[in-house]
Amino acid sequence: MSDKLRVLVAGVGNMGASHARSYHKLPSFEIAGLVSRTPDRRAALAAELGGVQQFNDFDLALKTTKPDVVSVNTYPDTHKEFAIKSIEAGAHIFIEKPLAETVADAQEIIRQAEEKNKKVVVGYILRQHPTWKRFIEIAQNLGKPLVMRMNLNQQSSRDNWETHKHLMESMSPIVDCGVHYVDVMCQMTKSRPLKVHAIGTRLTDEISPDMYNYGQLQVSFEDGSVGWYEAGWGPMMSETAFFVKDVIGPAGSISIVEPRSDTVSDTSDIDSHTKTNQLLLHHQERNEHGAFAKQDEWIDTSSEPDHQQLCDLEQEFLQRAIHEDLDMSSHLSDAVNSLKIVLAADESIRMGKIVYLK
């Protein structure tokens, strides 16, 4: 294999297009082709990238381009199929979260990759974010147990709502987005999750009666830590308190906070999903009079990378994983662990019971 990795990009939606731009920009990669069933979007991206091969069929694209890497950015119901076929064809994998629709399918992808000695990098974009890394590090120093409060509600309309409805043909918001934030919780606690309880409801007749577009999970950890995560999609969603990222421990709290502004929020803006704005660190220490001994600390994050730069960082990590033969076992076990938690939440909602994790 040459130093330049030839990549077949499958899926050219928001994430697929961003990753394709990263492959086009970074000297370690070369785009072998784009495959998508949306020809207008695919053609526009191909033109933006200076002209690359285009395909409508994944199997034909894989056979024709013979890539070193396949970047899977399609809907989750195709993840296992595309990943296994790519590995069997001798390619490494970048795959957007969640890794698969089920834990068993995720484990099968990992098993196949290990047998073929291929790398699998899952698109946990927050793991590449310097401010989120600091957020996690500070939380780890607040003592135990932790209380973790997080959400990401999206007031979607037009194309964004159509995308969300398509996603909900196979996966709820609490599963699709939740893997990011329960992964963050697991990094903060470094503790084994014990049980999950969740609630959810269907707020529109535009989706299947078997699906819900709002949900909230609660997860308990072995060290006594607890966390909740809330996610909702749709034109009815409120933009009040749509972005809560807050952690409390015995020593104080750390929060991602919005700066005071008169600007109206836009939860459909993909940059807002990773943007941290500012960190607020609160210390619980008090003086002899019972007043707080330290002032709250405002930590500026204005120089943080934007969404496209984060995608660049993800692909730089993929390049290192391949060329430096990084051990991906911890990365992949964490991906399975977070998937297990959100799928337990989905089961809890559908069955109306607490789900205990093995």
Protein backbone atom coordinates (compact mmCIF):
# COMPACT_ATOMS: atom_id res chain seq x y z
CA MET A 1 0.00 0.00 0.00
CA SER A 2 1.26 3.49 -0.88
CA ASP A 3 1.36 6.23 1.69
CA LYS A 4 -1.64 7.90 0.04
CA LEU A 5 -4.82 6.07 1.04
CA ARG A 6 -7.49 5.74 -1.65
CA VAL A 7 -10.94 6.22 -0.11
CA LEU A 8 -14.38 5.25 -1.32
CA VAL A 9 -16.92 7.55 0.33
CA ALA A 10 -20.34 5.95 0.83
CA GLY A 11 -23.07 8.46 1.65
CA VAL A 12 -22.83 12.20 0.90
CA GLY A 13 -25.17 13.73 3.46
CA ASN A 14 -23.95 16.22 6.06
CA MET A 15 -21.31 13.93 7.57
CA GLY A 16 -20.35 12.12 4.38
CA ALA A 17 -19.80 15.39 2.52
CA SER A 18 -17.72 16.80 5.40
CA HIS A 19 -15.54 13.69 5.52
CA ALA A 20 -15.12 13.76 1.73
CA ARG A 21 -13.87 17.34 2.00
CA SER A 22 -11.37 16.15 4.61
CA TYR A 23 -10.07 13.36 2.35
CA HIS A 24 -9.77 15.88 -0.50
CA LYS A 25 -7.88 18.34 1.70
CA LEU A 26 -5.51 16.02 3.59
CA PRO A 27 -2.35 14.87 1.75
CA SER A 28 -2.59 11.34 3.20
CA PHE A 29 -5.78 10.58 1.25
CA GLU A 30 -7.11 10.42 -2.29
CA ILE A 31 -10.80 10.01 -3.09
CA ALA A 32 -11.37 6.93 -5.24
CA GLY A 33 -15.08 7.56 -5.66
CA LEU A 34 -18.40 8.72 -4.22
CA VAL A 35 -21.33 6.35 -3.90
CA SER A 36 -24.83 7.61 -3.10
CA ARG A 37 -28.44 7.17 -4.21
CA THR A 38 -28.96 10.95 -4.29
CA PRO A 39 -27.48 11.88 -7.69
CA ASP A 40 -27.92 15.64 -7.45
CA ARG A 41 -26.11 15.91 -4.13
CA ARG A 42 -23.45 13.43 -5.25
CA ALA A 43 -22.81 15.31 -8.51
CA ALA A 44 -22.57 18.66 -6.73
CA LEU A 45 -20.01 17.29 -4.26
CA ALA A 46 -18.03 15.57 -7.03
CA ALA A 47 -17.83 18.88 -8.89
CA GLU A 48 -16.77 20.71 -5.72
CA LEU A 49 -13.95 18.21 -5.26
CA GLY A 50 -12.65 18.68 -8.78
CA GLY A 51 -14.32 15.69 -10.38
CA VAL A 52 -14.23 12.17 -8.94
CA GLN A 53 -15.86 8.90 -9.95
CA GLN A 54 -19.53 8.58 -9.02
CA PHE A 55 -21.57 5.48 -8.34
CA ASN A 56 -25.17 4.65 -7.51
CA ASP A 57 -24.45 1.07 -6.41
CA PHE A 58 -22.15 0.25 -3.48
CA ASP A 59 -21.09 -3.20 -4.71
CA LEU A 60 -20.12 -1.82 -8.12
CA ALA A 61 -18.23 1.06 -6.52
CA LEU A 62 -16.29 -1.28 -4.23
CA LYS A 63 -15.40 -3.66 -7.08
CA THR A 64 -14.43 -0.84 -9.47
CA THR A 65 -12.37 1.39 -7.18
CA LYS A 66 -10.64 -1.29 -5.04
CA PRO A 67 -10.09 1.25 -2.22
CA ASP A 68 -7.68 1.10 0.70
CA VAL A 69 -10.37 2.66 2.92
CA VAL A 70 -14.15 2.78 2.82
CA SER A 71 -15.82 5.69 4.60
CA VAL A 72 -19.33 4.56 5.59
CA ASN A 73 -21.59 7.57 6.15
CA THR A 74 -24.91 6.01 5.16
CA TYR A 75 -28.00 5.34 7.26
CA PRO A 76 -27.37 2.88 10.12
CA ASP A 77 -29.40 0.07 8.53
CA THR A 78 -26.62 -0.36 5.92
CA HIS A 79 -23.65 -0.12 8.29
CA LYS A 80 -23.11 -3.82 8.90
CA GLU A 81 -23.53 -4.81 5.25
CA PHE A 82 -21.21 -2.13 3.90
CA ALA A 83 -18.61 -2.63 6.63
CA ILE A 84 -18.40 -6.41 6.21
CA LYS A 85 -18.22 -6.17 2.41
CA SER A 86 -15.49 -3.54 2.66
CA ILE A 87 -13.41 -5.58 5.09
CA GLU A 88 -13.79 -8.68 2.91
CA ALA A 89 -12.55 -6.59 -0.03
CA GLY A 90 -9.40 -5.72 1.94
CA ALA A 91 -10.28 -2.18 3.03
CA HIS A 92 -9.94 -0.40 6.36
CA ILE A 93 -13.11 1.28 7.64
CA PHE A 94 -14.19 4.67 8.84
CA ILE A 95 -17.80 4.34 9.93
CA GLU A 96 -20.13 6.97 11.29
CA LYS A 97 -21.79 6.34 14.64
CA PRO A 98 -23.54 4.19 15.65
CA LEU A 99 -21.30 1.34 14.58
CA ALA A 100 -24.33 -0.88 13.86
CA GLU A 101 -28.00 -1.32 14.65
CA THR A 102 -27.38 -4.07 17.23
CA VAL A 103 -24.60 -5.03 19.62
CA ALA A 104 -24.26 -8.40 17.88
CA ASP A 105 -23.79 -6.71 14.49
CA ALA A 106 -21.21 -4.31 15.96
CA GLN A 107 -19.28 -7.21 17.45
CA GLU A 108 -19.40 -9.06 14.13
CA ILE A 109 -17.86 -6.07 12.32
CA ILE A 110 -15.08 -5.94 14.91
CA ARG A 111 -14.48 -9.69 14.70
CA GLN A 112 -14.20 -9.60 10.91
CA ALA A 113 -11.83 -6.63 11.05
CA GLU A 114 -9.59 -8.37 13.56
CA GLU A 115 -9.47 -11.52 11.43
CA LYS A 116 -8.47 -9.52 8.35
CA ASN A 117 -6.13 -7.20 10.33
CA LYS A 118 -8.09 -4.12 9.24
CA LYS A 119 -8.61 -0.92 11.22
CA VAL A 120 -12.07 0.33 12.16
CA VAL A 121 -12.52 3.91 13.33
CA VAL A 122 -15.99 4.93 14.54
CA GLY A 123 -17.08 8.54 14.05
CA TYR A 124 -17.09 9.74 17.65
CA ILE A 125 -16.33 13.32 16.67
CA LEU A 126 -16.30 14.63 20.26
CA ARG A 127 -13.27 12.44 21.01
CA GLN A 128 -11.27 14.67 18.66
CA HIS A 129 -12.58 17.93 20.13
CA PRO A 130 -9.98 19.67 22.36
CA THR A 131 -12.60 21.45 24.49
CA TRP A 132 -14.68 18.32 25.01
CA LYS A 133 -11.49 16.52 26.03
CA ARG A 134 -10.91 19.25 28.63
CA PHE A 135 -14.55 19.09 29.73
CA ILE A 136 -14.12 15.35 30.38
CA GLU A 137 -10.76 15.82 32.13
CA ILE A 138 -12.17 18.46 34.51
CA ALA A 139 -15.19 16.27 35.24
CA GLN A 140 -12.86 13.40 36.15
CA ASN A 141 -11.38 15.62 38.88
CA LEU A 142 -14.68 16.58 40.54
CA GLY A 143 -14.69 13.47 42.73
CA LYS A 144 -17.20 10.63 42.79
CA PRO A 145 -20.03 10.08 42.27
CA LEU A 146 -20.85 12.30 39.32
CA VAL A 147 -24.21 13.63 38.18
CA MET A 148 -24.16 14.11 34.39
CA ARG A 149 -26.91 16.03 32.61
CA MET A 150 -26.91 16.23 28.82
CA ASN A 151 -29.25 16.74 25.91
CA LEU A 152 -29.39 17.64 22.22
CA ASN A 153 -32.85 18.55 20.93
CA GLN A 154 -33.19 19.59 17.28
CA GLN A 155 -36.01 21.74 15.92
CA SER A 156 -35.82 20.36 12.38
CA SER A 157 -37.74 21.33 9.26
CA ARG A 158 -37.48 20.96 5.48
CA ASP A 159 -34.52 18.78 4.44
CA ASN A 160 -33.36 18.28 8.05
CA TRP A 161 -36.77 16.93 9.05
CA GLU A 162 -36.83 14.64 6.00
CA THR A 163 -33.41 13.30 7.04
CA HIS A 164 -34.61 12.78 10.60
CA LYS A 165 -37.72 10.95 9.41
CA HIS A 166 -35.57 8.70 7.25
CA LEU A 167 -33.27 7.98 10.19
CA MET A 168 -36.28 7.11 12.34
CA GLU A 169 -37.25 4.36 9.92
CA SER A 170 -34.63 2.31 11.75
CA MET A 171 -33.37 4.26 14.77
CA SER A 172 -34.67 6.71 17.38
CA PRO A 173 -33.03 10.05 18.25
CA ILE A 174 -32.01 8.71 21.65
CA VAL A 175 -30.02 5.92 19.97
CA ASP A 176 -28.59 7.84 17.01
CA CYS A 177 -27.34 10.87 18.96
CA GLY A 178 -27.15 9.30 22.39
CA VAL A 179 -24.08 7.17 21.67
CA HIS A 180 -21.96 10.36 21.63
CA TYR A 181 -23.05 11.53 25.05
CA VAL A 182 -23.17 8.24 26.93
CA ASP A 183 -19.66 7.67 25.56
CA VAL A 184 -18.70 10.97 27.19
CA MET A 185 -20.34 9.82 30.46
CA CYS A 186 -18.41 6.54 30.34
CA GLN A 187 -15.14 8.43 29.83
CA MET A 188 -15.95 10.71 32.77
CA THR A 189 -16.80 7.94 35.22
CA LYS A 190 -14.51 5.17 33.94
CA SER A 191 -17.04 2.95 35.66
CA ARG A 192 -19.23 0.05 34.56
CA PRO A 193 -22.82 0.97 33.63
CA LEU A 194 -25.31 -1.10 35.64
CA LYS A 195 -28.85 -0.22 34.57
CA VAL A 196 -30.84 1.99 32.23
CA HIS A 197 -34.33 3.43 32.51
CA ALA A 198 -35.89 5.53 29.77
CA ILE A 199 -39.08 7.23 28.65
CA GLY A 200 -40.16 8.31 25.20
CA THR A 201 -43.13 9.37 23.14
CA ARG A 202 -44.27 9.97 19.55
CA LEU A 203 -45.14 13.60 18.87
CA THR A 204 -46.09 13.31 15.20
CA ASP A 205 -48.05 11.04 12.89
CA GLU A 206 -45.41 11.59 10.19
CA ILE A 207 -43.40 8.67 11.58
CA SER A 208 -44.24 5.02 12.23
CA PRO A 209 -46.54 4.25 15.19
CA ASP A 210 -43.72 2.01 16.45
CA MET A 211 -41.20 4.88 16.56
CA TYR A 212 -40.81 7.83 18.94
CA ASN A 213 -39.17 11.17 18.17
CA TYR A 214 -38.56 12.24 21.79
CA GLY A 215 -36.78 10.24 24.47
CA GLN A 216 -34.85 10.53 27.72
CA LEU A 217 -32.58 7.91 29.28
CA GLN A 218 -31.19 7.57 32.78
CA VAL A 219 -28.11 5.42 33.38
CA SER A 220 -26.60 4.32 36.70
CA PHE A 221 -22.94 3.36 37.13
CA GLU A 222 -21.17 1.01 39.53
CA ASP A 223 -19.36 3.92 41.27
CA GLY A 224 -22.68 5.58 42.17
CA SER A 225 -22.58 8.06 39.31
CA VAL A 226 -25.79 8.78 37.41
CA GLY A 227 -26.51 10.50 34.14
CA TRP A 228 -29.40 11.48 31.94
CA TYR A 229 -29.59 12.23 28.24
CA GLU A 230 -32.50 13.72 26.30
CA ALA A 231 -33.02 13.90 22.53
CA GLY A 232 -35.89 15.03 20.36
CA TRP A 233 -36.25 15.69 16.62
CA GLY A 234 -38.89 17.55 14.69
CA PRO A 235 -40.59 20.82 13.80
CA MET A 236 -42.43 20.85 17.13
CA MET A 237 -39.30 20.78 19.31
CA SER A 238 -38.57 23.69 21.64
CA GLU A 239 -35.32 25.60 21.36
CA THR A 240 -35.41 26.42 25.07
CA ALA A 241 -32.66 24.51 26.91
CA PHE A 242 -31.98 22.42 23.81
CA PHE A 243 -28.26 22.14 24.62
CA VAL A 244 -27.44 21.10 28.19
CA LYS A 245 -23.99 19.73 29.03
CA ASP A 246 -23.50 19.83 32.79
CA VAL A 247 -21.57 17.68 35.28
CA ILE A 248 -21.72 17.88 39.08
CA GLY A 249 -19.41 16.17 41.55
CA PRO A 250 -18.53 16.52 45.25
CA ALA A 251 -15.89 19.14 44.41
CA GLY A 252 -18.11 21.34 42.23
CA SER A 253 -19.40 21.43 38.67
CA ILE A 254 -18.31 21.96 35.09
CA SER A 255 -20.72 23.15 32.42
CA ILE A 256 -20.72 24.01 28.75
CA VAL A 257 -22.64 27.28 28.59
CA GLU A 258 -23.95 29.61 25.93
CA PRO A 259 -22.53 33.12 26.05
CA ARG A 260 -25.14 35.78 26.72
CA SER A 261 -26.46 36.84 23.32
CA ASP A 262 -29.52 38.26 21.62
CA THR A 263 -28.94 35.92 18.67
CA VAL A 264 -31.71 33.37 18.06
CA SER A 265 -30.54 29.77 18.39
CA ASP A 266 -30.71 27.40 15.42
CA THR A 267 -30.65 23.77 16.56
CA SER A 268 -30.59 22.52 12.96
CA ASP A 269 -27.15 24.11 12.46
CA ILE A 270 -24.72 21.18 12.54
CA ASP A 271 -21.92 23.40 13.90
CA SER A 272 -24.03 24.01 17.03
CA HIS A 273 -23.96 20.28 17.85
CA THR A 274 -20.24 20.33 18.69
CA LYS A 275 -19.67 24.00 19.54
CA THR A 276 -18.89 24.52 23.23
CA ASN A 277 -18.93 28.35 23.46
CA GLN A 278 -17.53 28.52 27.04
CA LEU A 279 -16.79 26.26 29.99
CA LEU A 280 -17.92 27.33 33.47
CA LEU A 281 -16.09 25.71 36.40
CA HIS A 282 -17.67 26.06 39.85
CA HIS A 283 -15.78 25.18 43.06
CA GLN A 284 -17.70 24.09 46.14
CA GLU A 285 -14.99 25.08 48.67
CA ARG A 286 -16.18 27.58 51.31
CA ASN A 287 -14.41 29.79 53.82
CA GLU A 288 -14.94 29.99 57.59
CA HIS A 289 -18.04 32.12 57.03
CA GLY A 290 -19.65 29.57 54.74
CA ALA A 291 -19.20 31.71 51.62
CA PHE A 292 -17.56 30.32 48.52
CA ALA A 293 -13.78 30.56 48.77
CA LYS A 294 -13.14 30.65 45.01
CA GLN A 295 -14.83 32.52 42.23
CA ASP A 296 -16.31 30.60 39.30
CA GLU A 297 -13.86 30.22 36.43
CA TRP A 298 -14.88 31.07 32.86
CA ILE A 299 -12.79 29.09 30.40
CA ASP A 300 -12.73 30.60 26.93
CA THR A 301 -13.11 28.17 24.02
CA SER A 302 -13.52 30.69 21.21
CA SER A 303 -10.52 29.29 19.33
CA GLU A 304 -11.99 25.79 19.12
CA PRO A 305 -12.20 23.99 15.75
CA ASP A 306 -15.40 24.20 13.72
CA HIS A 307 -17.30 21.16 12.45
CA GLN A 308 -15.24 20.76 9.28
CA GLN A 309 -11.97 21.04 11.19
CA LEU A 310 -13.19 18.35 13.59
CA CYS A 311 -13.89 16.07 10.63
CA ASP A 312 -10.33 16.75 9.47
CA LEU A 313 -9.08 15.67 12.90
CA GLU A 314 -11.12 12.47 12.71
CA GLN A 315 -9.56 11.55 9.39
CA GLU A 316 -6.07 12.40 10.60
CA PHE A 317 -6.74 9.92 13.42
CA LEU A 318 -7.83 7.32 10.85
CA GLN A 319 -4.60 7.88 8.93
CA ARG A 320 -2.54 7.39 12.09
CA ALA A 321 -4.50 4.27 13.03
CA ILE A 322 -3.59 2.71 9.69
CA HIS A 323 -0.04 3.91 9.12
CA GLU A 324 1.07 3.62 12.76
CA ASP A 325 -0.84 0.37 13.34
CA LEU A 326 -2.61 1.76 16.41
CA ASP A 327 -4.30 -0.65 18.80
CA MET A 328 -8.02 0.06 18.28
CA SER A 329 -9.37 -2.46 20.81
CA SER A 330 -10.23 0.14 23.47
CA HIS A 331 -11.78 2.48 20.89
CA LEU A 332 -14.01 -0.32 19.61
CA SER A 333 -14.98 -1.73 23.00
CA ASP A 334 -16.03 1.79 24.03
CA ALA A 335 -18.13 2.07 20.86
CA VAL A 336 -19.88 -1.20 21.71
CA ASN A 337 -20.37 -0.12 25.33
CA SER A 338 -22.10 3.15 24.41
CA LEU A 339 -24.24 1.33 21.83
CA LYS A 340 -25.25 -1.19 24.48
CA ILE A 341 -26.47 1.61 26.78
CA VAL A 342 -28.58 3.44 24.19
CA LEU A 343 -30.08 0.20 22.90
CA ALA A 344 -30.97 -0.69 26.50
CA ALA A 345 -32.70 2.70 26.71
CA ASP A 346 -34.66 1.89 23.56
CA GLU A 347 -35.68 -1.44 25.08
CA SER A 348 -36.67 0.28 28.31
CA ILE A 349 -38.97 2.68 26.43
CA ARG A 350 -40.59 -0.08 24.39
CA MET A 351 -40.98 -2.51 27.30
CA GLY A 352 -41.70 0.04 30.05
CA LYS A 353 -39.13 -1.38 32.46
CA ILE A 354 -35.62 -0.91 33.85
CA VAL A 355 -33.00 -2.76 31.81
CA TYR A 356 -30.07 -4.24 33.73
CA LEU A 357 -26.80 -4.46 31.81
CA LYS A 358 -24.62 -7.55 31.82
